[in-house]
Amino acid sequence: MAKGKDVRVRVILECTSWCARNGVNKESPGISRYITQKNRHNTPSRLELRKFCRYCHKHTIHGEIKK
């Protein structure tokens, strides 16, 4: 039987760089976010990945946020 908590969960990754939030790029202000999955048993801590931020126009660290 299936348990109540799934092993794989959806997480939202948000850009941790300050360039979009401080208004350096005035043409397209916003926050870059990605949706992915992680295995709760293998990665119990918060996930951090290098992803491309379209507002910073470079690869930055994207960290997991709460839903």
Protein backbone atom coordinates (compact mmCIF):
# COMPACT_ATOMS: atom_id res chain seq x y z
CA MET A 1 0.00 0.00 0.00
CA ALA A 2 1.06 3.56 -0.60
CA LYS A 3 2.16 5.68 2.31
CA GLY A 4 0.90 9.18 3.03
CA LYS A 5 4.18 10.95 2.21
CA ASP A 6 5.65 10.57 -1.25
CA VAL A 7 9.38 10.03 -1.61
CA ARG A 8 9.71 12.42 -4.56
CA VAL A 9 8.42 15.94 -3.95
CA ARG A 10 8.15 19.02 -6.15
CA VAL A 11 10.33 21.96 -5.12
CA ILE A 12 10.62 25.53 -6.37
CA LEU A 13 14.08 26.98 -6.99
CA GLU A 14 14.47 30.78 -6.86
CA CYS A 15 17.44 32.91 -7.91
CA THR A 16 19.50 34.08 -4.94
CA SER A 17 21.26 36.89 -6.84
CA TRP A 18 20.34 40.49 -5.96
CA CYS A 19 20.64 42.09 -9.43
CA ALA A 20 16.97 41.62 -10.40
CA ARG A 21 15.67 42.63 -6.96
CA ASN A 22 17.81 45.77 -6.67
CA GLY A 23 16.70 47.03 -10.07
CA VAL A 24 20.01 46.79 -11.92
CA ASN A 25 18.16 45.47 -14.98
CA LYS A 26 15.26 47.93 -15.29
CA GLU A 27 13.99 46.52 -18.61
CA SER A 28 12.76 43.21 -17.20
CA PRO A 29 12.38 43.23 -13.41
CA GLY A 30 11.40 39.87 -12.01
CA ILE A 31 12.52 36.79 -10.15
CA SER A 32 13.75 33.69 -11.93
CA ARG A 33 12.10 30.46 -10.70
CA TYR A 34 12.37 26.82 -11.70
CA ILE A 35 10.23 23.82 -10.68
CA THR A 36 11.94 20.46 -10.20
CA GLN A 37 11.71 17.28 -8.13
CA LYS A 38 13.94 15.87 -5.41
CA ASN A 39 14.11 12.62 -3.48
CA ARG A 40 13.23 13.39 0.13
CA HIS A 41 15.25 10.44 1.53
CA ASN A 42 18.46 11.13 -0.43
CA THR A 43 18.36 14.95 -0.08
CA PRO A 44 16.75 15.96 3.21
CA SER A 45 18.38 19.43 3.22
CA ARG A 46 17.48 22.34 0.94
CA LEU A 47 18.48 21.97 -2.69
CA GLU A 48 20.79 24.50 -4.43
CA LEU A 49 21.60 24.32 -8.14
CA ARG A 50 23.33 26.56 -10.66
CA LYS A 51 20.70 27.56 -13.22
CA PHE A 52 20.43 30.31 -15.84
CA CYS A 53 18.70 33.47 -14.63
CA ARG A 54 17.07 35.27 -17.54
CA TYR A 55 16.94 38.54 -15.61
CA CYS A 56 20.63 38.49 -14.61
CA HIS A 57 21.62 37.03 -18.02
CA LYS A 58 24.07 34.59 -16.35
CA HIS A 59 24.24 31.35 -14.39
CA THR A 60 23.54 31.90 -10.68
CA ILE A 61 22.74 29.82 -7.61
CA HIS A 62 19.04 28.96 -7.32
CA GLY A 63 17.93 27.81 -3.87
CA GLU A 64 14.87 25.92 -2.71
CA ILE A 65 12.05 28.04 -1.23
CA LYS A 66 8.94 27.17 0.73
CA LYS A 67 5.66 26.81 -1.12
